Amino acid sequence: MAHIKLSNSLHALAFAVALAAPSAAVADVQGIFKAGYDVGGDEVVSVPMTDGSTSTIKANEGFYIGGGLAFLNSDRDWEFDLTVAYKFKMIDATNGDVTFSRWPVEALVFYRFDYFRVGGGVTYHMSPRLEGTGVVSGLDIKLKDALGGVLQADWRITEDVTLGVRYTFLEYEAKAPFTGTAKSDGVGVTFSWNFF
């Protein structure tokens, strides 16, 4: 049987992210494909396995894939990205699975140098949910939507392809009848491709 554990952290989510608005008007709009993997945060679930080991999922952990739009100014030194992604982490066993899923919507501003870009902004995680199948099919914990921040630095491999690192900070809170919070602070690697 799965043992569910939500952190009882008393720390309130606090962040300040300044978005620098480019002074020039938008000159180009491109599509974005993005993917990545994040780690860290409080443990949200711990599942004992039949071989004696324990598998866990942490609040920031998971693979994400998504897309959106990039808005660039005429000098192409400022970029505003608006994206939505599906993020998930799964514990996969022969007699059941546990999945932590959410839909992050992000608004990030970057200053672009020749070979790298730096920026940050806000992230809003919609419909966070922890659910199980098989022997843990009774597991279904819905969390409140959560607002947080992102800081990011990317190597510009080409004009339109980046590979970088990011730091996310936010906190999840369980919906009734469950209680508890889980900090989702952690780092990750990210890839993006601007097209058109």
Protein backbone atom coordinates (compact mmCIF):
# COMPACT_ATOMS: atom_id res chain seq x y z
CA MET A 1 0.00 0.00 0.00
CA ALA A 2 1.32 3.45 -0.89
CA HIS A 3 2.25 5.81 1.92
CA ILE A 4 1.24 9.38 1.07
CA LYS A 5 3.22 12.22 2.54
CA LEU A 6 2.65 15.93 1.92
CA SER A 7 5.13 18.33 3.46
CA ASN A 8 3.86 20.41 6.39
CA SER A 9 6.08 23.37 5.59
CA LEU A 10 4.87 26.60 7.20
CA HIS A 11 6.78 28.80 4.82
CA ALA A 12 4.59 31.01 2.62
CA LEU A 13 5.37 31.21 -1.07
CA ALA A 14 7.29 34.46 -1.52
CA PHE A 15 8.93 35.66 -4.71
CA ALA A 16 9.64 38.82 -6.65
CA VAL A 17 10.28 38.55 -10.37
CA ALA A 18 10.80 41.73 -12.36
CA LEU A 19 9.77 41.55 -16.00
CA ALA A 20 11.68 44.00 -18.11
CA ALA A 21 9.40 45.20 -20.90
CA PRO A 22 11.22 45.75 -24.17
CA SER A 23 11.01 49.36 -25.25
CA ALA A 24 10.63 48.54 -28.93
CA ALA A 25 7.44 47.16 -30.45
CA VAL A 26 7.09 43.46 -31.31
CA ALA A 27 8.66 42.85 -34.70
CA ASP A 28 8.49 39.06 -34.99
CA VAL A 29 6.27 36.28 -33.62
CA GLN A 30 7.48 32.67 -33.65
CA GLY A 31 6.22 29.32 -32.47
CA ILE A 32 8.02 27.53 -29.62
CA PHE A 33 8.57 23.85 -28.89
CA LYS A 34 9.99 23.18 -25.42
CA ALA A 35 10.91 20.15 -23.32
CA GLY A 36 12.91 19.47 -20.22
CA TYR A 37 13.31 17.71 -16.91
CA ASP A 38 13.18 19.18 -13.39
CA VAL A 39 14.32 17.80 -10.02
CA GLY A 40 14.02 18.80 -6.37
CA GLY A 41 11.34 19.96 -3.99
CA ASP A 42 9.60 18.31 -1.06
CA GLU A 43 8.63 14.66 -1.23
CA VAL A 44 4.95 14.33 -2.15
CA VAL A 45 4.61 10.56 -2.24
CA SER A 46 6.61 7.54 -1.12
CA VAL A 47 5.69 4.09 -2.43
CA PRO A 48 7.12 0.87 -0.92
CA MET A 49 7.96 -1.66 -3.62
CA THR A 50 7.71 -5.46 -3.32
CA ASP A 51 11.51 -5.82 -3.66
CA GLY A 52 11.99 -3.83 -0.43
CA SER A 53 12.98 -0.57 -2.11
CA THR A 54 11.03 2.69 -1.94
CA SER A 55 10.19 4.96 -4.88
CA THR A 56 9.41 8.63 -4.32
CA ILE A 57 8.16 11.63 -6.26
CA LYS A 58 9.27 15.14 -5.33
CA ALA A 59 7.20 18.26 -5.93
CA ASN A 60 9.38 19.78 -8.68
CA GLU A 61 10.26 16.47 -10.30
CA GLY A 62 9.13 15.57 -13.77
CA PHE A 63 9.49 15.65 -17.53
CA TYR A 64 7.63 18.37 -19.43
CA ILE A 65 6.79 19.00 -23.07
CA GLY A 66 4.87 21.91 -24.54
CA GLY A 67 4.80 24.94 -26.76
CA GLY A 68 3.63 28.46 -27.28
CA LEU A 69 4.65 31.76 -28.82
CA ALA A 70 7.79 33.91 -28.74
CA PHE A 71 7.61 37.67 -29.32
CA LEU A 72 10.83 39.42 -30.39
CA ASN A 73 11.61 43.11 -30.79
CA SER A 74 13.15 44.56 -33.95
CA ASP A 75 16.70 44.36 -32.57
CA ARG A 76 16.06 40.73 -31.56
CA ASP A 77 17.73 41.33 -28.20
CA TRP A 78 14.52 40.98 -26.14
CA GLU A 79 12.27 37.94 -26.23
CA PHE A 80 8.96 37.32 -24.43
CA ASP A 81 7.85 33.66 -24.30
CA LEU A 82 4.32 32.57 -23.46
CA THR A 83 4.01 28.77 -23.21
CA VAL A 84 1.94 25.93 -21.81
CA ALA A 85 3.26 22.43 -21.11
CA TYR A 86 2.28 19.07 -19.64
CA LYS A 87 4.56 18.01 -16.77
CA PHE A 88 4.52 14.59 -15.12
CA LYS A 89 6.48 12.13 -13.02
CA MET A 90 5.46 8.47 -12.77
CA ILE A 91 6.28 5.54 -10.52
CA ASP A 92 5.68 2.49 -12.71
CA ALA A 93 5.21 -0.95 -11.12
CA THR A 94 3.78 -4.25 -12.34
CA ASN A 95 0.76 -4.00 -10.03
CA GLY A 96 0.07 -0.27 -10.24
CA ASP A 97 1.30 3.20 -11.13
CA VAL A 98 1.46 6.55 -9.36
CA THR A 99 1.51 9.75 -11.45
CA PHE A 100 2.00 13.36 -10.40
CA SER A 101 0.80 15.64 -13.24
CA ARG A 102 0.25 19.38 -13.80
CA TRP A 103 -0.06 21.97 -16.59
CA PRO A 104 2.51 24.80 -16.21
CA VAL A 105 1.69 28.07 -18.01
CA GLU A 106 4.74 30.35 -18.19
CA ALA A 107 5.40 33.96 -19.14
CA LEU A 108 9.17 34.55 -19.37
CA VAL A 109 11.24 37.52 -20.57
CA PHE A 110 14.80 37.03 -21.86
CA TYR A 111 17.61 39.37 -22.79
CA ARG A 112 19.46 37.80 -25.71
CA PHE A 113 23.23 38.02 -26.14
CA ASP A 114 25.08 36.55 -29.13
CA TYR A 115 25.58 33.10 -27.62
CA PHE A 116 23.33 32.98 -24.57
CA ARG A 117 20.22 34.50 -23.03
CA VAL A 118 19.13 35.16 -19.44
CA GLY A 119 15.71 35.85 -18.01
CA GLY A 120 12.85 34.87 -15.81
CA GLY A 121 9.21 35.35 -15.11
CA VAL A 122 6.16 33.64 -13.69
CA THR A 123 4.84 30.09 -13.83
CA TYR A 124 1.26 29.05 -13.02
CA HIS A 125 0.66 25.33 -12.47
CA MET A 126 -2.89 24.30 -13.29
CA SER A 127 -4.66 21.13 -12.15
CA PRO A 128 -1.86 19.50 -10.12
CA ARG A 129 -2.93 15.97 -9.29
CA LEU A 130 -1.48 12.87 -7.66
CA GLU A 131 -3.28 9.68 -8.69
CA GLY A 132 -2.76 5.95 -8.69
CA THR A 133 -3.84 2.85 -10.59
CA GLY A 134 -3.86 -0.84 -9.73
CA VAL A 135 -3.18 -1.55 -6.03
CA VAL A 136 -3.02 2.21 -5.39
CA SER A 137 -6.17 3.04 -7.38
CA GLY A 138 -7.64 4.72 -4.30
CA LEU A 139 -4.97 7.42 -4.46
CA ASP A 140 -6.42 10.64 -5.88
CA ILE A 141 -5.20 13.92 -4.37
CA LYS A 142 -5.97 17.17 -6.14
CA LEU A 143 -3.88 20.22 -5.36
CA LYS A 144 -4.71 23.89 -5.75
CA ASP A 145 -3.38 25.78 -8.75
CA ALA A 146 -0.04 27.36 -7.79
CA LEU A 147 1.75 30.55 -8.80
CA GLY A 148 5.54 30.73 -8.71
CA GLY A 149 8.63 32.05 -10.41
CA VAL A 150 11.32 30.89 -12.83
CA LEU A 151 14.90 32.05 -13.38
CA GLN A 152 16.59 30.71 -16.52
CA ALA A 153 19.89 30.90 -18.42
CA ASP A 154 20.31 29.32 -21.88
CA TRP A 155 23.10 28.67 -24.33
CA ARG A 156 21.96 29.75 -27.79
CA ILE A 157 23.15 26.82 -29.91
CA THR A 158 21.74 28.52 -33.02
CA GLU A 159 19.57 31.58 -33.57
CA ASP A 160 16.48 29.48 -32.80
CA VAL A 161 17.66 26.55 -30.61
CA THR A 162 18.58 26.84 -26.92
CA LEU A 163 19.74 24.50 -24.17
CA GLY A 164 19.80 25.76 -20.62
CA VAL A 165 19.27 25.49 -16.89
CA ARG A 166 16.42 26.86 -14.80
CA TYR A 167 15.37 27.29 -11.20
CA THR A 168 11.68 27.09 -10.30
CA PHE A 169 10.17 28.17 -7.00
CA LEU A 170 6.54 27.70 -5.95
CA GLU A 171 4.48 25.85 -3.36
CA TYR A 172 1.58 23.44 -3.75
CA GLU A 173 -1.32 23.19 -1.32
CA ALA A 174 -3.66 20.22 -1.11
CA LYS A 175 -7.39 20.65 -1.72
CA ALA A 176 -9.90 19.51 0.91
CA PRO A 177 -10.38 16.98 2.37
CA PHE A 178 -6.58 16.69 2.33
CA THR A 179 -4.27 19.19 4.01
CA GLY A 180 -0.62 20.11 3.73
CA THR A 181 1.77 21.96 1.47
CA ALA A 182 4.78 20.93 -0.59
CA LYS A 183 7.52 23.28 -1.71
CA SER A 184 8.42 22.79 -5.35
CA ASP A 185 11.76 24.60 -5.43
CA GLY A 186 14.31 22.96 -7.68
CA VAL A 187 16.52 23.03 -10.75
CA GLY A 188 16.12 21.61 -14.23
CA VAL A 189 17.45 21.38 -17.75
CA THR A 190 15.46 22.83 -20.63
CA PHE A 191 15.49 22.74 -24.44
CA SER A 192 13.59 25.02 -26.76
CA TRP A 193 13.23 25.53 -30.50
CA ASN A 194 11.70 28.65 -32.04
CA PHE A 195 10.22 28.05 -35.46
CA PHE A 196 8.65 30.14 -38.23
